Amino acid sequence: QAKLVESGGGLVQTGGSLRLSCTASGVTSNTYAMGWFRQAPGKERDFVAYFTLSRGSVDYADSVKGRFTISGGDAKNTVYLQMNSLKPEDTAVYYCNADPAVSWGQGTQVTVSS
């Protein structure tokens, strides 16, 4: 059974940085991409960033372009999210997932204080 484990969240001030990590285990061999998503209180889960494992191509939500960087790790099915110039509106629980998607993990809380 697939399992996603996110880590690296925390409390930072506006303008600060955090690096999130995600490790996916038990995913299928045809997994071709990993992505990050976030869910703010009272809102739906939204797309943040996407990374294809073989080609390394990336895509970002407009709200994070130029501030966040998604990258793959040395181990397959590991993905990072470097978040710089954080804003209070980035406050959310951050989740990763694979493509094809698997069950969501617990996520990691990111809180940006003003």
C-alpha atoms as a PDB file:
ATOM      1  CA  GLN A   1       0.000   0.000   0.000  1.00  0.00           C
ATOM      2  CA  ALA A   2       1.323   3.411  -0.959  1.00  0.00           C
ATOM      3  CA  LYS A   3       2.350   5.800   1.776  1.00  0.00           C
ATOM      4  CA  LEU A   4       3.292   9.466   1.588  1.00  0.00           C
ATOM      5  CA  VAL A   5       5.293  11.146   4.329  1.00  0.00           C
ATOM      6  CA  GLU A   6       5.719  14.925   4.312  1.00  0.00           C
ATOM      7  CA  SER A   7       8.036  16.850   6.626  1.00  0.00           C
ATOM      8  CA  GLY A   8       9.785  20.176   7.027  1.00  0.00           C
ATOM      9  CA  GLY A   9       6.916  22.469   7.894  1.00  0.00           C
ATOM     10  CA  GLY A  10       6.999  24.996  10.688  1.00  0.00           C
ATOM     11  CA  LEU A  11       6.428  28.570  11.774  1.00  0.00           C
ATOM     12  CA  VAL A  12       8.333  31.320   9.970  1.00  0.00           C
ATOM     13  CA  GLN A  13       8.066  35.077   9.597  1.00  0.00           C
ATOM     14  CA  THR A  14       7.098  36.801   6.392  1.00  0.00           C
ATOM     15  CA  GLY A  15      10.003  36.655   3.986  1.00  0.00           C
ATOM     16  CA  GLY A  16      11.416  33.505   5.521  1.00  0.00           C
ATOM     17  CA  SER A  17      12.162  30.155   3.921  1.00  0.00           C
ATOM     18  CA  LEU A  18      11.328  26.514   4.491  1.00  0.00           C
ATOM     19  CA  ARG A  19      12.207  23.308   2.689  1.00  0.00           C
ATOM     20  CA  LEU A  20       9.604  20.578   2.598  1.00  0.00           C
ATOM     21  CA  SER A  21      10.397  16.934   1.927  1.00  0.00           C
ATOM     22  CA  CYS A  22       8.198  14.116   0.723  1.00  0.00           C
ATOM     23  CA  THR A  23       8.919  10.440   0.413  1.00  0.00           C
ATOM     24  CA  ALA A  24       6.507   8.102  -1.328  1.00  0.00           C
ATOM     25  CA  SER A  25       6.749   4.402  -0.639  1.00  0.00           C
ATOM     26  CA  GLY A  26       4.814   1.573  -2.178  1.00  0.00           C
ATOM     27  CA  VAL A  27       3.840   3.564  -5.256  1.00  0.00           C
ATOM     28  CA  THR A  28       3.528   1.821  -8.592  1.00  0.00           C
ATOM     29  CA  SER A  29       6.439   1.542 -10.993  1.00  0.00           C
ATOM     30  CA  ASN A  30       4.574   3.648 -13.528  1.00  0.00           C
ATOM     31  CA  THR A  31       4.666   6.713 -11.284  1.00  0.00           C
ATOM     32  CA  TYR A  32       5.910   9.455 -13.577  1.00  0.00           C
ATOM     33  CA  ALA A  33       5.499  12.602 -11.515  1.00  0.00           C
ATOM     34  CA  MET A  34       5.246  14.006  -8.020  1.00  0.00           C
ATOM     35  CA  GLY A  35       3.505  17.145  -6.891  1.00  0.00           C
ATOM     36  CA  TRP A  36       2.832  19.447  -3.979  1.00  0.00           C
ATOM     37  CA  PHE A  37      -0.558  20.737  -2.936  1.00  0.00           C
ATOM     38  CA  ARG A  38      -1.800  22.861  -0.058  1.00  0.00           C
ATOM     39  CA  GLN A  39      -4.976  23.402   1.864  1.00  0.00           C
ATOM     40  CA  ALA A  40      -5.592  26.561   3.834  1.00  0.00           C
ATOM     41  CA  PRO A  41      -8.204  26.615   6.627  1.00  0.00           C
ATOM     42  CA  GLY A  42     -11.723  26.610   5.190  1.00  0.00           C
ATOM     43  CA  LYS A  43     -10.508  26.231   1.618  1.00  0.00           C
ATOM     44  CA  GLU A  44     -10.118  23.451  -0.898  1.00  0.00           C
ATOM     45  CA  ARG A  45      -6.829  21.713  -1.563  1.00  0.00           C
ATOM     46  CA  ASP A  46      -4.984  23.533  -4.344  1.00  0.00           C
ATOM     47  CA  PHE A  47      -2.160  22.669  -6.704  1.00  0.00           C
ATOM     48  CA  VAL A  48       1.243  24.182  -5.877  1.00  0.00           C
ATOM     49  CA  ALA A  49       3.945  22.511  -7.952  1.00  0.00           C
ATOM     50  CA  TYR A  50       4.587  19.472 -10.163  1.00  0.00           C
ATOM     51  CA  PHE A  51       7.743  17.580 -11.102  1.00  0.00           C
ATOM     52  CA  THR A  52       8.123  14.824 -13.690  1.00  0.00           C
ATOM     53  CA  LEU A  53      10.544  12.135 -12.536  1.00  0.00           C
ATOM     54  CA  SER A  54      12.107  11.205 -15.868  1.00  0.00           C
ATOM     55  CA  ARG A  55      12.401  14.561 -17.593  1.00  0.00           C
ATOM     56  CA  GLY A  56      12.606  16.804 -14.567  1.00  0.00           C
ATOM     57  CA  SER A  57      10.129  19.232 -16.058  1.00  0.00           C
ATOM     58  CA  VAL A  58       8.266  21.423 -13.588  1.00  0.00           C
ATOM     59  CA  ASP A  59       5.104  23.458 -13.318  1.00  0.00           C
ATOM     60  CA  TYR A  60       3.928  25.910 -10.664  1.00  0.00           C
ATOM     61  CA  ALA A  61       0.809  27.657  -9.550  1.00  0.00           C
ATOM     62  CA  ASP A  62       0.944  31.339 -10.491  1.00  0.00           C
ATOM     63  CA  SER A  63       0.838  32.313  -6.826  1.00  0.00           C
ATOM     64  CA  VAL A  64       4.184  30.653  -6.079  1.00  0.00           C
ATOM     65  CA  LYS A  65       6.133  31.164  -9.311  1.00  0.00           C
ATOM     66  CA  GLY A  66       9.502  32.741  -8.648  1.00  0.00           C
ATOM     67  CA  ARG A  67       9.367  31.915  -4.935  1.00  0.00           C
ATOM     68  CA  PHE A  68       9.001  28.128  -4.723  1.00  0.00           C
ATOM     69  CA  THR A  69      11.177  25.471  -6.342  1.00  0.00           C
ATOM     70  CA  ILE A  70      10.250  21.810  -6.660  1.00  0.00           C
ATOM     71  CA  SER A  71      12.967  19.226  -7.190  1.00  0.00           C
ATOM     72  CA  GLY A  72      13.534  15.507  -7.044  1.00  0.00           C
ATOM     73  CA  GLY A  73      15.832  13.735  -4.653  1.00  0.00           C
ATOM     74  CA  ASP A  74      18.492  11.115  -5.337  1.00  0.00           C
ATOM     75  CA  ALA A  75      16.060   8.439  -4.218  1.00  0.00           C
ATOM     76  CA  LYS A  76      13.187   7.758  -6.541  1.00  0.00           C
ATOM     77  CA  ASN A  77       9.819   9.034  -5.388  1.00  0.00           C
ATOM     78  CA  THR A  78      11.385  11.698  -3.188  1.00  0.00           C
ATOM     79  CA  VAL A  79      10.518  15.296  -3.871  1.00  0.00           C
ATOM     80  CA  TYR A  80      11.349  18.594  -2.206  1.00  0.00           C
ATOM     81  CA  LEU A  81       9.745  22.005  -2.150  1.00  0.00           C
ATOM     82  CA  GLN A  82      12.019  24.943  -1.413  1.00  0.00           C
ATOM     83  CA  MET A  83       9.873  27.868  -0.351  1.00  0.00           C
ATOM     84  CA  ASN A  84      11.395  31.341  -0.246  1.00  0.00           C
ATOM     85  CA  SER A  85       9.941  34.795   0.351  1.00  0.00           C
ATOM     86  CA  LEU A  86       7.057  33.266   2.248  1.00  0.00           C
ATOM     87  CA  LYS A  87       3.881  35.263   2.729  1.00  0.00           C
ATOM     88  CA  PRO A  88       1.059  34.906   5.256  1.00  0.00           C
ATOM     89  CA  GLU A  89      -1.183  33.659   2.437  1.00  0.00           C
ATOM     90  CA  ASP A  90       1.139  30.666   2.045  1.00  0.00           C
ATOM     91  CA  THR A  91      -0.086  29.401   5.417  1.00  0.00           C
ATOM     92  CA  ALA A  92      -1.604  25.969   4.857  1.00  0.00           C
ATOM     93  CA  VAL A  93      -1.135  22.263   5.320  1.00  0.00           C
ATOM     94  CA  TYR A  94       1.116  21.096   2.516  1.00  0.00           C
ATOM     95  CA  TYR A  95       0.674  17.680   0.956  1.00  0.00           C
ATOM     96  CA  CYS A  96       2.529  15.771  -1.695  1.00  0.00           C
ATOM     97  CA  ASN A  97       1.171  13.146  -4.038  1.00  0.00           C
ATOM     98  CA  ALA A  98       2.260  11.019  -6.925  1.00  0.00           C
ATOM     99  CA  ASP A  99       0.875  10.820 -10.445  1.00  0.00           C
ATOM    100  CA  PRO A 100      -0.996   8.457 -10.738  1.00  0.00           C
ATOM    101  CA  ALA A 101      -2.379   9.647  -7.415  1.00  0.00           C
ATOM    102  CA  VAL A 102      -2.383   7.603  -4.227  1.00  0.00           C
ATOM    103  CA  SER A 103      -4.003   8.138  -0.835  1.00  0.00           C
ATOM    104  CA  TRP A 104      -3.092  11.434   0.793  1.00  0.00           C
ATOM    105  CA  GLY A 105      -0.645  11.551   3.674  1.00  0.00           C
ATOM    106  CA  GLN A 106      -0.903  13.618   6.840  1.00  0.00           C
ATOM    107  CA  GLY A 107       0.699  16.693   5.346  1.00  0.00           C
ATOM    108  CA  THR A 108       2.953  19.191   7.054  1.00  0.00           C
ATOM    109  CA  GLN A 109       1.798  22.500   8.505  1.00  0.00           C
ATOM    110  CA  VAL A 110       3.356  25.716   7.247  1.00  0.00           C
ATOM    111  CA  THR A 111       2.504  28.886   9.137  1.00  0.00           C
ATOM    112  CA  VAL A 112       3.796  32.276   8.034  1.00  0.00           C
ATOM    113  CA  SER A 113       3.404  35.085  10.529  1.00  0.00           C
ATOM    114  CA  SER A 114       3.040  38.698   9.469  1.00  0.00           C
END
